[in-house]
């Protein structure tokens, strides 16, 4: 029969690798979370900027129409 014992250096290497992976997992999870949150924040700021620009275009159209109506009132007199 073959010898069923495993070299201690091999078991130590496997154990150290497993410990390293388990130890780094929380840090990687937090880094991933920070990236997702920063991406969502960036998209939210972009959406707010786009909405503000669209509202400025509407405001310009409303002011132009208001000025036009005022000018028509003055020309009718």
C-alpha atoms as a PDB file:
ATOM      1  CA  UNK A   1       0.000   0.000   0.000  1.00  0.00           C
ATOM      2  CA  UNK A   2       1.038   3.552  -0.651  1.00  0.00           C
ATOM      3  CA  UNK A   3       1.979   5.837   2.171  1.00  0.00           C
ATOM      4  CA  UNK A   4      -1.093   7.980   3.034  1.00  0.00           C
ATOM      5  CA  UNK A   5       0.792  10.794   4.750  1.00  0.00           C
ATOM      6  CA  UNK A   6       1.169  14.170   3.086  1.00  0.00           C
ATOM      7  CA  UNK A   7       4.310  16.203   3.266  1.00  0.00           C
ATOM      8  CA  UNK A   8       3.995  18.875   5.973  1.00  0.00           C
ATOM      9  CA  UNK A   9       5.370  21.562   3.651  1.00  0.00           C
ATOM     10  CA  UNK A  10       2.564  20.916   1.174  1.00  0.00           C
ATOM     11  CA  UNK A  11      -0.167  21.101   3.801  1.00  0.00           C
ATOM     12  CA  UNK A  12       1.407  24.274   5.191  1.00  0.00           C
ATOM     13  CA  UNK A  13       1.500  25.873   1.729  1.00  0.00           C
ATOM     14  CA  UNK A  14      -2.160  25.025   1.093  1.00  0.00           C
ATOM     15  CA  UNK A  15      -3.168  26.258   4.527  1.00  0.00           C
ATOM     16  CA  UNK A  16      -1.271  29.540   4.107  1.00  0.00           C
ATOM     17  CA  UNK A  17      -2.914  30.112   0.713  1.00  0.00           C
ATOM     18  CA  UNK A  18      -6.368  29.508   2.167  1.00  0.00           C
ATOM     19  CA  UNK A  19      -5.664  31.843   5.087  1.00  0.00           C
ATOM     20  CA  UNK A  20      -4.452  34.550   2.687  1.00  0.00           C
ATOM     21  CA  UNK A  21      -7.576  34.290   0.528  1.00  0.00           C
ATOM     22  CA  UNK A  22      -9.925  34.343   3.518  1.00  0.00           C
ATOM     23  CA  UNK A  23      -8.061  37.262   5.088  1.00  0.00           C
ATOM     24  CA  UNK A  24      -8.196  39.375   1.912  1.00  0.00           C
ATOM     25  CA  UNK A  25     -11.878  38.727   1.151  1.00  0.00           C
ATOM     26  CA  UNK A  26     -13.345  41.474   3.411  1.00  0.00           C
ATOM     27  CA  UNK A  27     -10.992  44.100   1.996  1.00  0.00           C
ATOM     28  CA  UNK A  28     -11.863  43.140  -1.571  1.00  0.00           C
ATOM     29  CA  UNK A  29     -15.568  43.190  -0.749  1.00  0.00           C
ATOM     30  CA  UNK A  30     -15.285  46.687   0.720  1.00  0.00           C
ATOM     31  CA  UNK A  31     -13.293  47.889  -2.293  1.00  0.00           C
ATOM     32  CA  UNK A  32     -15.995  46.544  -4.581  1.00  0.00           C
ATOM     33  CA  UNK A  33     -18.666  48.248  -2.483  1.00  0.00           C
ATOM     34  CA  UNK A  34     -16.809  51.582  -2.634  1.00  0.00           C
ATOM     35  CA  UNK A  35     -16.553  51.303  -6.417  1.00  0.00           C
ATOM     36  CA  UNK A  36     -20.267  50.594  -6.779  1.00  0.00           C
ATOM     37  CA  UNK A  37     -21.218  53.458  -4.474  1.00  0.00           C
ATOM     38  CA  UNK A  38     -18.927  55.921  -6.245  1.00  0.00           C
ATOM     39  CA  UNK A  39     -20.309  54.838  -9.621  1.00  0.00           C
ATOM     40  CA  UNK A  40     -23.888  55.290  -8.422  1.00  0.00           C
ATOM     41  CA  UNK A  41     -23.027  58.711  -6.988  1.00  0.00           C
ATOM     42  CA  UNK A  42     -21.433  59.763 -10.267  1.00  0.00           C
ATOM     43  CA  UNK A  43     -24.500  58.685 -12.235  1.00  0.00           C
ATOM     44  CA  UNK A  44     -26.739  60.546  -9.831  1.00  0.00           C
ATOM     45  CA  UNK A  45     -24.738  63.759 -10.285  1.00  0.00           C
ATOM     46  CA  UNK A  46     -24.844  63.332 -14.061  1.00  0.00           C
ATOM     47  CA  UNK A  47     -28.615  62.869 -13.947  1.00  0.00           C
ATOM     48  CA  UNK A  48     -29.023  65.962 -11.788  1.00  0.00           C
ATOM     49  CA  UNK A  49     -26.890  67.997 -14.183  1.00  0.00           C
ATOM     50  CA  UNK A  50     -28.876  66.786 -17.171  1.00  0.00           C
ATOM     51  CA  UNK A  51     -32.162  67.638 -15.476  1.00  0.00           C
ATOM     52  CA  UNK A  52     -30.896  71.105 -14.605  1.00  0.00           C
ATOM     53  CA  UNK A  53     -29.800  71.735 -18.188  1.00  0.00           C
ATOM     54  CA  UNK A  54     -33.172  70.564 -19.516  1.00  0.00           C
ATOM     55  CA  UNK A  55     -34.963  72.865 -17.068  1.00  0.00           C
ATOM     56  CA  UNK A  56     -32.796  75.790 -18.197  1.00  0.00           C
ATOM     57  CA  UNK A  57     -33.894  75.159 -21.780  1.00  0.00           C
ATOM     58  CA  UNK A  58     -37.544  75.159 -20.737  1.00  0.00           C
ATOM     59  CA  UNK A  59     -37.015  78.325 -18.696  1.00  0.00           C
ATOM     60  CA  UNK A  60     -35.449  80.080 -21.680  1.00  0.00           C
ATOM     61  CA  UNK A  61     -38.430  79.163 -23.859  1.00  0.00           C
ATOM     62  CA  UNK A  62     -40.905  80.396 -21.234  1.00  0.00           C
ATOM     63  CA  UNK A  63     -39.081  83.704 -20.777  1.00  0.00           C
ATOM     64  CA  UNK A  64     -38.933  84.207 -24.554  1.00  0.00           C
ATOM     65  CA  UNK A  65     -42.674  83.598 -24.900  1.00  0.00           C
ATOM     66  CA  UNK A  66     -43.377  85.917 -21.945  1.00  0.00           C
ATOM     67  CA  UNK A  67     -41.312  88.709 -23.480  1.00  0.00           C
ATOM     68  CA  UNK A  68     -43.072  88.168 -26.801  1.00  0.00           C
ATOM     69  CA  UNK A  69     -46.502  88.507 -25.133  1.00  0.00           C
ATOM     70  CA  UNK A  70     -45.405  91.676 -23.314  1.00  0.00           C
ATOM     71  CA  UNK A  71     -44.119  93.175 -26.541  1.00  0.00           C
ATOM     72  CA  UNK A  72     -47.436  92.364 -28.282  1.00  0.00           C
ATOM     73  CA  UNK A  73     -49.368  94.181 -25.532  1.00  0.00           C
ATOM     74  CA  UNK A  74     -47.261  97.304 -26.038  1.00  0.00           C
ATOM     75  CA  UNK A  75     -47.737  97.277 -29.813  1.00  0.00           C
ATOM     76  CA  UNK A  76     -51.574  97.013 -29.589  1.00  0.00           C
ATOM     77  CA  UNK A  77     -51.937 100.331 -27.760  1.00  0.00           C
END
